[in-house]
Amino acid sequence: ENPCSKCRGKGKIKRACTVEINIPAGIDTNE
């Protein structure tokens, strides 16, 4: 009934964030 002004009632927003990942040894192109 009262949509959120930040997400315009969708409940979701797209946000940029930085994540740290561990790439395993032996990985190859297109894997």
PDB file of all heavy atoms in Angstrom:
ATOM      1  N   GLU A   1       0.824  -1.210   0.000  1.00  0.00           N
ATOM      2  CA  GLU A   1       0.000   0.000   0.000  1.00  0.00           C
ATOM      3  C   GLU A   1       0.858   1.260   0.000  1.00  0.00           C
ATOM      4  O   GLU A   1       0.528   2.256  -0.635  1.00  0.00           O
ATOM      5  CB  GLU A   1      -0.921   0.000   1.225  1.00  0.00           C
ATOM      6  CG  GLU A   1      -2.039  -1.034   1.136  1.00  0.00           C
ATOM      7  CD  GLU A   1      -3.027  -0.906   2.279  1.00  0.00           C
ATOM      8  OE1 GLU A   1      -2.598  -0.511   3.386  1.00  0.00           O
ATOM      9  OE2 GLU A   1      -4.217  -1.193   2.067  1.00  0.00           O
ATOM     10  N   ASN A   2       1.995   1.216   0.724  1.00  0.00           N
ATOM     11  CA  ASN A   2       2.899   2.363   0.809  1.00  0.00           C
ATOM     12  C   ASN A   2       4.276   1.947   0.299  1.00  0.00           C
ATOM     13  O   ASN A   2       5.122   1.492   1.086  1.00  0.00           O
ATOM     14  CB  ASN A   2       3.004   2.875   2.248  1.00  0.00           C
ATOM     15  CG  ASN A   2       1.656   3.332   2.787  1.00  0.00           C
ATOM     16  OD1 ASN A   2       0.988   4.136   2.157  1.00  0.00           O
ATOM     17  ND2 ASN A   2       1.286   2.805   3.962  1.00  0.00           N
ATOM     18  N   PRO A   3       4.513   2.072  -1.009  1.00  0.00           N
ATOM     19  CA  PRO A   3       5.779   1.592  -1.577  1.00  0.00           C
ATOM     20  C   PRO A   3       7.004   2.299  -1.004  1.00  0.00           C
ATOM     21  O   PRO A   3       6.977   3.498  -0.738  1.00  0.00           O
ATOM     22  CB  PRO A   3       5.640   1.892  -3.077  1.00  0.00           C
ATOM     23  CG  PRO A   3       4.168   2.049  -3.301  1.00  0.00           C
ATOM     24  CD  PRO A   3       3.617   2.628  -2.042  1.00  0.00           C
ATOM     25  N   CYS A   4       8.046   1.534  -0.815  1.00  0.00           N
ATOM     26  CA  CYS A   4       9.319   2.077  -0.343  1.00  0.00           C
ATOM     27  C   CYS A   4       9.898   2.976  -1.427  1.00  0.00           C
ATOM     28  O   CYS A   4       9.957   2.596  -2.606  1.00  0.00           O
ATOM     29  CB  CYS A   4      10.281   0.931  -0.025  1.00  0.00           C
ATOM     30  SG  CYS A   4      11.985   1.439   0.277  1.00  0.00           S
ATOM     31  N   SER A   5      10.357   4.159  -1.053  1.00  0.00           N
ATOM     32  CA  SER A   5      10.870   5.107  -2.042  1.00  0.00           C
ATOM     33  C   SER A   5      12.229   4.690  -2.596  1.00  0.00           C
ATOM     34  O   SER A   5      12.583   5.039  -3.723  1.00  0.00           O
ATOM     35  CB  SER A   5      10.992   6.502  -1.412  1.00  0.00           C
ATOM     36  OG  SER A   5      11.843   6.457  -0.263  1.00  0.00           O
ATOM     37  N   LYS A   6      12.977   3.917  -1.823  1.00  0.00           N
ATOM     38  CA  LYS A   6      14.318   3.538  -2.262  1.00  0.00           C
ATOM     39  C   LYS A   6      14.278   2.457  -3.336  1.00  0.00           C
ATOM     40  O   LYS A   6      14.987   2.532  -4.340  1.00  0.00           O
ATOM     41  CB  LYS A   6      15.150   3.061  -1.073  1.00  0.00           C
ATOM     42  CG  LYS A   6      16.610   2.810  -1.412  1.00  0.00           C
ATOM     43  CD  LYS A   6      17.437   2.530  -0.162  1.00  0.00           C
ATOM     44  CE  LYS A   6      18.915   2.374  -0.524  1.00  0.00           C
ATOM     45  NZ  LYS A   6      19.755   2.136   0.673  1.00  0.00           N
ATOM     46  N   CYS A   7      13.441   1.440  -3.117  1.00  0.00           N
ATOM     47  CA  CYS A   7      13.367   0.336  -4.089  1.00  0.00           C
ATOM     48  C   CYS A   7      12.124   0.400  -4.957  1.00  0.00           C
ATOM     49  O   CYS A   7      11.888  -0.501  -5.768  1.00  0.00           O
ATOM     50  CB  CYS A   7      13.426  -1.010  -3.372  1.00  0.00           C
ATOM     51  SG  CYS A   7      11.995  -1.341  -2.303  1.00  0.00           S
ATOM     52  N   ARG A   8      11.283   1.434  -4.743  1.00  0.00           N
ATOM     53  CA  ARG A   8      10.044   1.639  -5.498  1.00  0.00           C
ATOM     54  C   ARG A   8       9.086   0.452  -5.371  1.00  0.00           C
ATOM     55  O   ARG A   8       8.426   0.073  -6.341  1.00  0.00           O
ATOM     56  CB  ARG A   8      10.361   1.915  -6.965  1.00  0.00           C
ATOM     57  CG  ARG A   8      11.192   3.161  -7.175  1.00  0.00           C
ATOM     58  CD  ARG A   8      11.494   3.405  -8.624  1.00  0.00           C
ATOM     59  NE  ARG A   8      12.318   4.603  -8.804  1.00  0.00           N
ATOM     60  CZ  ARG A   8      12.760   5.034  -9.980  1.00  0.00           C
ATOM     61  NH1 ARG A   8      12.452   4.361 -11.085  1.00  0.00           N
ATOM     62  NH2 ARG A   8      13.503   6.116 -10.062  1.00  0.00           N
ATOM     63  N   GLY A   9       9.071  -0.116  -4.196  1.00  0.00           N
ATOM     64  CA  GLY A   9       8.113  -1.181  -3.915  1.00  0.00           C
ATOM     65  C   GLY A   9       8.552  -2.565  -4.337  1.00  0.00           C
ATOM     66  O   GLY A   9       7.830  -3.543  -4.121  1.00  0.00           O
ATOM     67  N   LYS A  10       9.735  -2.703  -4.934  1.00  0.00           N
ATOM     68  CA  LYS A  10      10.186  -4.011  -5.407  1.00  0.00           C
ATOM     69  C   LYS A  10      10.792  -4.869  -4.305  1.00  0.00           C
ATOM     70  O   LYS A  10      10.839  -6.100  -4.408  1.00  0.00           O
ATOM     71  CB  LYS A  10      11.203  -3.839  -6.528  1.00  0.00           C
ATOM     72  CG  LYS A  10      10.621  -3.229  -7.794  1.00  0.00           C
ATOM     73  CD  LYS A  10      11.687  -3.108  -8.876  1.00  0.00           C
ATOM     74  CE  LYS A  10      11.094  -2.534 -10.157  1.00  0.00           C
ATOM     75  NZ  LYS A  10      12.129  -2.389 -11.228  1.00  0.00           N
ATOM     76  N   GLY A  11      11.280  -4.236  -3.268  1.00  0.00           N
ATOM     77  CA  GLY A  11      11.900  -4.981  -2.177  1.00  0.00           C
ATOM     78  C   GLY A  11      13.346  -5.355  -2.461  1.00  0.00           C
ATOM     79  O   GLY A  11      14.031  -5.916  -1.607  1.00  0.00           O
ATOM     80  N   LYS A  12      13.819  -5.077  -3.674  1.00  0.00           N
ATOM     81  CA  LYS A  12      15.186  -5.422  -4.071  1.00  0.00           C
ATOM     82  C   LYS A  12      15.856  -4.210  -4.718  1.00  0.00           C
ATOM     83  O   LYS A  12      15.207  -3.395  -5.372  1.00  0.00           O
ATOM     84  CB  LYS A  12      15.196  -6.581  -5.073  1.00  0.00           C
ATOM     85  CG  LYS A  12      14.518  -7.860  -4.589  1.00  0.00           C
ATOM     86  CD  LYS A  12      15.333  -8.581  -3.561  1.00  0.00           C
ATOM     87  CE  LYS A  12      14.658  -9.878  -3.135  1.00  0.00           C
ATOM     88  NZ  LYS A  12      15.372 -10.539  -2.042  1.00  0.00           N
ATOM     89  N   ILE A  13      17.169  -4.128  -4.528  1.00  0.00           N
ATOM     90  CA  ILE A  13      17.959  -3.105  -5.199  1.00  0.00           C
ATOM     91  C   ILE A  13      19.230  -3.750  -5.746  1.00  0.00           C
ATOM     92  O   ILE A  13      19.705  -4.754  -5.207  1.00  0.00           O
ATOM     93  CB  ILE A  13      18.337  -1.939  -4.263  1.00  0.00           C
ATOM     94  CG1 ILE A  13      19.063  -2.464  -3.015  1.00  0.00           C
ATOM     95  CG2 ILE A  13      17.122  -1.125  -3.883  1.00  0.00           C
ATOM     96  CD1 ILE A  13      19.584  -1.370  -2.123  1.00  0.00           C
ATOM     97  N   LYS A  14      19.762  -3.178  -6.823  1.00  0.00           N
ATOM     98  CA  LYS A  14      21.011  -3.683  -7.398  1.00  0.00           C
ATOM     99  C   LYS A  14      22.156  -2.840  -6.860  1.00  0.00           C
ATOM    100  O   LYS A  14      22.157  -1.618  -7.008  1.00  0.00           O
ATOM    101  CB  LYS A  14      20.956  -3.616  -8.923  1.00  0.00           C
ATOM    102  CG  LYS A  14      21.947  -4.527  -9.611  1.00  0.00           C
ATOM    103  CD  LYS A  14      21.618  -4.668 -11.081  1.00  0.00           C
ATOM    104  CE  LYS A  14      22.445  -5.770 -11.726  1.00  0.00           C
ATOM    105  NZ  LYS A  14      22.093  -5.976 -13.140  1.00  0.00           N
ATOM    106  N   ARG A  15      23.111  -3.523  -6.243  1.00  0.00           N
ATOM    107  CA  ARG A  15      24.189  -2.812  -5.573  1.00  0.00           C
ATOM    108  C   ARG A  15      25.548  -3.359  -6.005  1.00  0.00           C
ATOM    109  O   ARG A  15      25.722  -4.568  -6.174  1.00  0.00           O
ATOM    110  CB  ARG A  15      24.018  -2.951  -4.065  1.00  0.00           C
ATOM    111  CG  ARG A  15      25.099  -2.285  -3.252  1.00  0.00           C
ATOM    112  CD  ARG A  15      24.888  -2.492  -1.756  1.00  0.00           C
ATOM    113  NE  ARG A  15      23.768  -1.686  -1.253  1.00  0.00           N
ATOM    114  CZ  ARG A  15      22.736  -2.174  -0.614  1.00  0.00           C
ATOM    115  NH1 ARG A  15      22.647  -3.484  -0.409  1.00  0.00           N
ATOM    116  NH2 ARG A  15      21.783  -1.393  -0.177  1.00  0.00           N
ATOM    117  N   ALA A  16      26.521  -2.469  -6.172  1.00  0.00           N
ATOM    118  CA  ALA A  16      27.897  -2.878  -6.460  1.00  0.00           C
ATOM    119  C   ALA A  16      28.574  -3.292  -5.159  1.00  0.00           C
ATOM    120  O   ALA A  16      28.454  -2.597  -4.145  1.00  0.00           O
ATOM    121  CB  ALA A  16      28.661  -1.738  -7.115  1.00  0.00           C
ATOM    122  N   CYS A  17      29.247  -4.418  -5.193  1.00  0.00           N
ATOM    123  CA  CYS A  17      29.958  -4.867  -4.006  1.00  0.00           C
ATOM    124  C   CYS A  17      31.222  -5.618  -4.407  1.00  0.00           C
ATOM    125  O   CYS A  17      31.341  -6.110  -5.536  1.00  0.00           O
ATOM    126  CB  CYS A  17      29.071  -5.754  -3.123  1.00  0.00           C
ATOM    127  SG  CYS A  17      28.445  -7.217  -3.948  1.00  0.00           S
ATOM    128  N   THR A  18      32.168  -5.686  -3.488  1.00  0.00           N
ATOM    129  CA  THR A  18      33.433  -6.375  -3.725  1.00  0.00           C
ATOM    130  C   THR A  18      33.467  -7.650  -2.900  1.00  0.00           C
ATOM    131  O   THR A  18      33.194  -7.625  -1.692  1.00  0.00           O
ATOM    132  CB  THR A  18      34.628  -5.477  -3.350  1.00  0.00           C
ATOM    133  OG1 THR A  18      34.576  -4.282  -4.137  1.00  0.00           O
ATOM    134  CG2 THR A  18      35.941  -6.188  -3.618  1.00  0.00           C
ATOM    135  N   VAL A  19      33.767  -8.758  -3.544  1.00  0.00           N
ATOM    136  CA  VAL A  19      33.837 -10.041  -2.838  1.00  0.00           C
ATOM    137  C   VAL A  19      35.220 -10.654  -3.067  1.00  0.00           C
ATOM    138  O   VAL A  19      35.864 -10.420  -4.095  1.00  0.00           O
ATOM    139  CB  VAL A  19      32.745 -11.027  -3.331  1.00  0.00           C
ATOM    140  CG1 VAL A  19      31.365 -10.506  -3.005  1.00  0.00           C
ATOM    141  CG2 VAL A  19      32.871 -11.287  -4.832  1.00  0.00           C
ATOM    142  N   GLU A  20      35.680 -11.410  -2.088  1.00  0.00           N
ATOM    143  CA  GLU A  20      36.968 -12.103  -2.203  1.00  0.00           C
ATOM    144  C   GLU A  20      36.712 -13.570  -2.516  1.00  0.00           C
ATOM    145  O   GLU A  20      35.916 -14.224  -1.845  1.00  0.00           O
ATOM    146  CB  GLU A  20      37.776 -11.974  -0.919  1.00  0.00           C
ATOM    147  CG  GLU A  20      39.191 -12.536  -1.038  1.00  0.00           C
ATOM    148  CD  GLU A  20      40.027 -12.288   0.209  1.00  0.00           C
ATOM    149  OE1 GLU A  20      39.745 -12.923   1.248  1.00  0.00           O
ATOM    150  OE2 GLU A  20      40.953 -11.462   0.148  1.00  0.00           O
ATOM    151  N   ILE A  21      37.387 -14.067  -3.538  1.00  0.00           N
ATOM    152  CA  ILE A  21      37.199 -15.460  -3.954  1.00  0.00           C
ATOM    153  C   ILE A  21      38.543 -16.174  -4.007  1.00  0.00           C
ATOM    154  O   ILE A  21      39.582 -15.555  -4.242  1.00  0.00           O
ATOM    155  CB  ILE A  21      36.500 -15.541  -5.335  1.00  0.00           C
ATOM    156  CG1 ILE A  21      37.296 -14.764  -6.394  1.00  0.00           C
ATOM    157  CG2 ILE A  21      35.073 -15.051  -5.251  1.00  0.00           C
ATOM    158  CD1 ILE A  21      36.740 -14.882  -7.795  1.00  0.00           C
ATOM    159  N   ASN A  22      38.518 -17.473  -3.785  1.00  0.00           N
ATOM    160  CA  ASN A  22      39.715 -18.312  -3.871  1.00  0.00           C
ATOM    161  C   ASN A  22      39.675 -19.118  -5.167  1.00  0.00           C
ATOM    162  O   ASN A  22      38.794 -19.962  -5.344  1.00  0.00           O
ATOM    163  CB  ASN A  22      39.785 -19.272  -2.682  1.00  0.00           C
ATOM    164  CG  ASN A  22      40.203 -18.576  -1.401  1.00  0.00           C
ATOM    165  OD1 ASN A  22      41.117 -17.764  -1.404  1.00  0.00           O
ATOM    166  ND2 ASN A  22      39.522 -18.875  -0.303  1.00  0.00           N
ATOM    167  N   ILE A  23      40.606 -18.850  -6.064  1.00  0.00           N
ATOM    168  CA  ILE A  23      40.713 -19.605  -7.307  1.00  0.00           C
ATOM    169  C   ILE A  23      41.649 -20.786  -7.064  1.00  0.00           C
ATOM    170  O   ILE A  23      42.802 -20.595  -6.650  1.00  0.00           O
ATOM    171  CB  ILE A  23      41.257 -18.735  -8.451  1.00  0.00           C
ATOM    172  CG1 ILE A  23      40.356 -17.514  -8.670  1.00  0.00           C
ATOM    173  CG2 ILE A  23      41.387 -19.546  -9.728  1.00  0.00           C
ATOM    174  CD1 ILE A  23      38.955 -17.848  -9.115  1.00  0.00           C
ATOM    175  N   PRO A  24      41.194 -22.019  -7.294  1.00  0.00           N
ATOM    176  CA  PRO A  24      42.037 -23.190  -6.998  1.00  0.00           C
ATOM    177  C   PRO A  24      43.209 -23.337  -7.955  1.00  0.00           C
ATOM    178  O   PRO A  24      43.140 -22.917  -9.114  1.00  0.00           O
ATOM    179  CB  PRO A  24      41.052 -24.361  -7.149  1.00  0.00           C
ATOM    180  CG  PRO A  24      40.025 -23.868  -8.114  1.00  0.00           C
ATOM    181  CD  PRO A  24      39.879 -22.403  -7.829  1.00  0.00           C
ATOM    182  N   ALA A  25      44.288 -23.936  -7.463  1.00  0.00           N
ATOM    183  CA  ALA A  25      45.470 -24.187  -8.291  1.00  0.00           C
ATOM    184  C   ALA A  25      45.123 -25.183  -9.392  1.00  0.00           C
ATOM    185  O   ALA A  25      44.408 -26.157  -9.165  1.00  0.00           O
ATOM    186  CB  ALA A  25      46.603 -24.741  -7.425  1.00  0.00           C
ATOM    187  N   GLY A  26      45.630 -24.910 -10.587  1.00  0.00           N
ATOM    188  CA  GLY A  26      45.409 -25.819 -11.717  1.00  0.00           C
ATOM    189  C   GLY A  26      44.259 -25.432 -12.613  1.00  0.00           C
ATOM    190  O   GLY A  26      43.978 -26.124 -13.599  1.00  0.00           O
ATOM    191  N   ILE A  27      43.575 -24.333 -12.326  1.00  0.00           N
ATOM    192  CA  ILE A  27      42.440 -23.894 -13.150  1.00  0.00           C
ATOM    193  C   ILE A  27      42.931 -23.545 -14.553  1.00  0.00           C
ATOM    194  O   ILE A  27      44.066 -23.112 -14.734  1.00  0.00           O
ATOM    195  CB  ILE A  27      41.743 -22.669 -12.498  1.00  0.00           C
ATOM    196  CG1 ILE A  27      40.340 -22.447 -13.074  1.00  0.00           C
ATOM    197  CG2 ILE A  27      42.595 -21.431 -12.615  1.00  0.00           C
ATOM    198  CD1 ILE A  27      39.320 -23.387 -12.541  1.00  0.00           C
ATOM    199  N   ASP A  28      42.080 -23.742 -15.552  1.00  0.00           N
ATOM    200  CA  ASP A  28      42.483 -23.464 -16.938  1.00  0.00           C
ATOM    201  C   ASP A  28      41.439 -22.590 -17.620  1.00  0.00           C
ATOM    202  O   ASP A  28      40.334 -22.387 -17.098  1.00  0.00           O
ATOM    203  CB  ASP A  28      42.663 -24.777 -17.708  1.00  0.00           C
ATOM    204  CG  ASP A  28      43.610 -24.625 -18.894  1.00  0.00           C
ATOM    205  OD1 ASP A  28      44.033 -23.495 -19.181  1.00  0.00           O
ATOM    206  OD2 ASP A  28      43.927 -25.649 -19.530  1.00  0.00           O
ATOM    207  N   THR A  29      41.779 -22.081 -18.784  1.00  0.00           N
ATOM    208  CA  THR A  29      40.890 -21.200 -19.539  1.00  0.00           C
ATOM    209  C   THR A  29      39.536 -21.857 -19.807  1.00  0.00           C
ATOM    210  O   THR A  29      39.461 -23.036 -20.138  1.00  0.00           O
ATOM    211  CB  THR A  29      41.553 -20.808 -20.872  1.00  0.00           C
ATOM    212  OG1 THR A  29      42.678 -19.967 -20.598  1.00  0.00           O
ATOM    213  CG2 THR A  29      40.589 -20.046 -21.771  1.00  0.00           C
ATOM    214  N   ASN A  30      38.467 -21.064 -19.630  1.00  0.00           N
ATOM    215  CA  ASN A  30      37.068 -21.463 -19.851  1.00  0.00           C
ATOM    216  C   ASN A  30      36.533 -22.427 -18.798  1.00  0.00           C
ATOM    217  O   ASN A  30      35.423 -22.950 -18.955  1.00  0.00           O
ATOM    218  CB  ASN A  30      36.868 -22.054 -21.249  1.00  0.00           C
ATOM    219  CG  ASN A  30      36.978 -21.003 -22.342  1.00  0.00           C
ATOM    220  OD1 ASN A  30      36.670 -19.831 -22.112  1.00  0.00           O
ATOM    221  ND2 ASN A  30      37.423 -21.397 -23.518  1.00  0.00           N
ATOM    222  N   GLU A  31      37.285 -22.670 -17.740  1.00  0.00           N
ATOM    223  CA  GLU A  31      36.746 -23.448 -16.619  1.00  0.00           C
ATOM    224  C   GLU A  31      36.049 -22.496 -15.653  1.00  0.00           C
ATOM    225  O   GLU A  31      36.472 -21.347 -15.471  1.00  0.00           O
ATOM    226  CB  GLU A  31      37.848 -24.228 -15.912  1.00  0.00           C
ATOM    227  CG  GLU A  31      38.392 -25.370 -16.747  1.00  0.00           C
ATOM    228  CD  GLU A  31      39.400 -26.230 -15.999  1.00  0.00           C
ATOM    229  OE1 GLU A  31      39.955 -25.776 -14.985  1.00  0.00           O
ATOM    230  OE2 GLU A  31      39.640 -27.365 -16.445  1.00  0.00           O
TER     231      GLU A  31
END
